[in-house]
Amino acid sequence: MQLDLSTFPLVWMRREAAPVQPDILFAQFDALLARRQAFVILSEEGFDEDGHEHPQEERKRAALWMKQNKAAIRAYIQGMVLVEPSAAKRLAGKAFAVMFGKFWGYPLHFGTSRDDALDIAQHLLRAWLPPQK
């Protein structure tokens, strides 16, 4: 996975042909959390019902990182929004989204298009930010 931070607080996650080293990905997430600002993770790659098998060491490291950063994750990551045009895949993703939210501490949403995903992300960010005076 690769994170594109250029449109922060909208953080785009993309799968790359050549996998990014886990150290780089964890460093990017650490830097995002260190900003102490709300953000939303988005992906245009849709819902993959089969998931991605990661090596056990990688899964253990991710779980440990999540436990160490649980408070910051819950405070600053307002959600993840996947662009998924398929109604059937969005429906299948609803059960997964419940488990995802319980594990990671932030909700998983599905948008029907890029514009829909951006609308959802903006709504999540507005809900976190204090009202303008």
Protein backbone atom coordinates (compact mmCIF):
# COMPACT_ATOMS: atom_id res chain seq x y z
CA MET A 1 0.00 0.00 0.00
CA GLN A 2 0.98 3.57 -0.60
CA LEU A 3 -0.40 6.65 1.14
CA ASP A 4 -0.84 9.92 -0.73
CA LEU A 5 -0.76 12.71 1.86
CA SER A 6 -0.82 15.56 -0.67
CA THR A 7 -4.53 16.31 -0.09
CA PHE A 8 -4.50 16.05 3.72
CA PRO A 9 -6.90 15.74 5.57
CA LEU A 10 -8.01 13.45 2.75
CA VAL A 11 -5.45 10.64 2.67
CA TRP A 12 -5.63 8.39 -0.37
CA MET A 13 -4.53 4.78 0.04
CA ARG A 14 -3.49 2.89 -3.07
CA ARG A 15 -2.16 -0.56 -3.74
CA GLU A 16 1.08 -0.43 -5.63
CA ALA A 17 2.54 -2.98 -8.03
CA ALA A 18 5.69 -3.03 -5.90
CA PRO A 19 4.71 -3.27 -2.24
CA VAL A 20 5.84 -0.46 0.06
CA GLN A 21 7.97 -1.58 2.98
CA PRO A 22 5.91 -1.83 6.18
CA ASP A 23 8.40 0.47 7.95
CA ILE A 24 7.58 3.25 5.50
CA LEU A 25 3.83 2.75 5.86
CA PHE A 26 4.00 2.74 9.68
CA ALA A 27 6.19 5.87 9.58
CA GLN A 28 3.60 7.61 7.37
CA PHE A 29 0.79 6.69 9.77
CA ASP A 30 2.91 7.83 12.73
CA ALA A 31 3.46 11.18 11.00
CA LEU A 32 -0.26 11.52 10.28
CA LEU A 33 -1.19 10.86 13.90
CA ALA A 34 1.55 13.25 15.11
CA ARG A 35 -0.27 16.10 13.30
CA ARG A 36 -3.02 15.77 15.89
CA GLN A 37 -5.63 16.69 13.28
CA ALA A 38 -8.63 14.79 11.98
CA PHE A 39 -8.26 12.98 8.68
CA VAL A 40 -10.07 10.43 6.53
CA ILE A 41 -8.53 7.58 4.57
CA LEU A 42 -9.99 6.99 1.10
CA SER A 43 -9.44 4.32 -1.52
CA GLU A 44 -10.75 3.95 -5.05
CA GLU A 45 -9.87 0.27 -5.18
CA GLY A 46 -13.20 -0.97 -3.90
CA PHE A 47 -14.10 -3.71 -1.47
CA ASP A 48 -12.17 -6.93 -1.87
CA GLU A 49 -14.31 -9.65 -0.35
CA ASP A 50 -11.37 -12.05 -0.25
CA GLY A 51 -9.17 -9.62 1.67
CA HIS A 52 -5.42 -9.60 1.42
CA GLU A 53 -3.32 -12.21 3.10
CA HIS A 54 -0.40 -10.59 4.86
CA PRO A 55 2.44 -12.57 6.42
CA GLN A 56 1.89 -13.39 10.10
CA GLU A 57 4.75 -11.13 11.20
CA GLU A 58 3.18 -8.21 9.35
CA ARG A 59 -0.22 -8.88 10.95
CA LYS A 60 1.35 -9.10 14.41
CA ARG A 61 3.23 -5.86 13.87
CA ALA A 62 0.09 -4.09 12.67
CA ALA A 63 -1.86 -5.31 15.71
CA LEU A 64 0.90 -4.14 18.05
CA TRP A 65 1.10 -0.74 16.33
CA MET A 66 -2.67 -0.40 16.58
CA LYS A 67 -2.63 -1.18 20.32
CA GLN A 68 0.18 1.32 20.93
CA ASN A 69 -1.66 4.05 19.02
CA LYS A 70 -5.26 3.20 19.90
CA ALA A 71 -6.13 6.55 21.50
CA ALA A 72 -4.66 8.61 18.65
CA ILE A 73 -6.27 6.38 16.01
CA ARG A 74 -9.69 6.86 17.61
CA ALA A 75 -9.13 10.60 18.04
CA TYR A 76 -7.82 11.52 14.60
CA ILE A 77 -8.84 8.94 12.01
CA GLN A 78 -12.45 9.82 11.33
CA GLY A 79 -13.06 6.90 9.02
CA MET A 80 -12.11 5.08 5.88
CA VAL A 81 -14.19 5.43 2.73
CA LEU A 82 -13.94 2.92 -0.09
CA VAL A 83 -15.26 3.73 -3.54
CA GLU A 84 -17.33 0.71 -4.49
CA PRO A 85 -19.72 1.07 -7.45
CA SER A 86 -21.12 -2.46 -7.04
CA ALA A 87 -24.25 -2.54 -4.87
CA ALA A 88 -23.68 -6.25 -4.20
CA LYS A 89 -20.14 -5.63 -2.94
CA ARG A 90 -21.30 -2.68 -0.80
CA LEU A 91 -23.92 -4.95 0.77
CA ALA A 92 -21.34 -7.69 1.36
CA GLY A 93 -19.02 -5.10 2.88
CA LYS A 94 -21.49 -4.02 5.56
CA ALA A 95 -20.81 -7.02 7.81
CA PHE A 96 -17.07 -6.59 7.31
CA ALA A 97 -17.37 -2.89 8.15
CA VAL A 98 -18.73 -3.73 11.61
CA MET A 99 -15.73 -5.97 12.40
CA PHE A 100 -13.35 -3.44 10.85
CA GLY A 101 -14.67 -0.64 13.06
CA LYS A 102 -14.42 -2.72 16.21
CA PHE A 103 -10.83 -3.73 15.47
CA TRP A 104 -9.39 -0.46 14.13
CA GLY A 105 -11.50 1.96 16.15
CA TYR A 106 -12.83 3.98 13.25
CA PRO A 107 -15.69 3.32 10.84
CA LEU A 108 -15.54 1.95 7.32
CA HIS A 109 -17.91 3.56 4.81
CA PHE A 110 -18.67 2.85 1.16
CA GLY A 111 -19.21 5.45 -1.54
CA THR A 112 -20.76 4.68 -4.90
CA SER A 113 -18.32 6.96 -6.73
CA ARG A 114 -15.30 9.17 -6.07
CA ASP A 115 -17.58 12.19 -5.60
CA ASP A 116 -19.79 10.27 -3.18
CA ALA A 117 -16.73 9.13 -1.21
CA LEU A 118 -15.47 12.71 -1.04
CA ASP A 119 -18.88 13.88 0.24
CA ILE A 120 -18.81 11.22 2.96
CA ALA A 121 -15.25 12.18 3.91
CA GLN A 122 -16.14 15.88 4.13
CA HIS A 123 -19.14 15.06 6.32
CA LEU A 124 -16.90 13.03 8.67
CA LEU A 125 -14.40 15.87 8.89
CA ARG A 126 -17.09 18.52 9.51
CA ALA A 127 -18.45 16.41 12.36
CA TRP A 128 -15.04 16.52 14.06
CA LEU A 129 -13.99 20.10 13.48
CA PRO A 130 -15.23 22.80 15.85
CA PRO A 131 -17.87 25.14 14.35
CA GLN A 132 -16.62 28.27 12.61
CA LYS A 133 -17.32 31.57 14.40
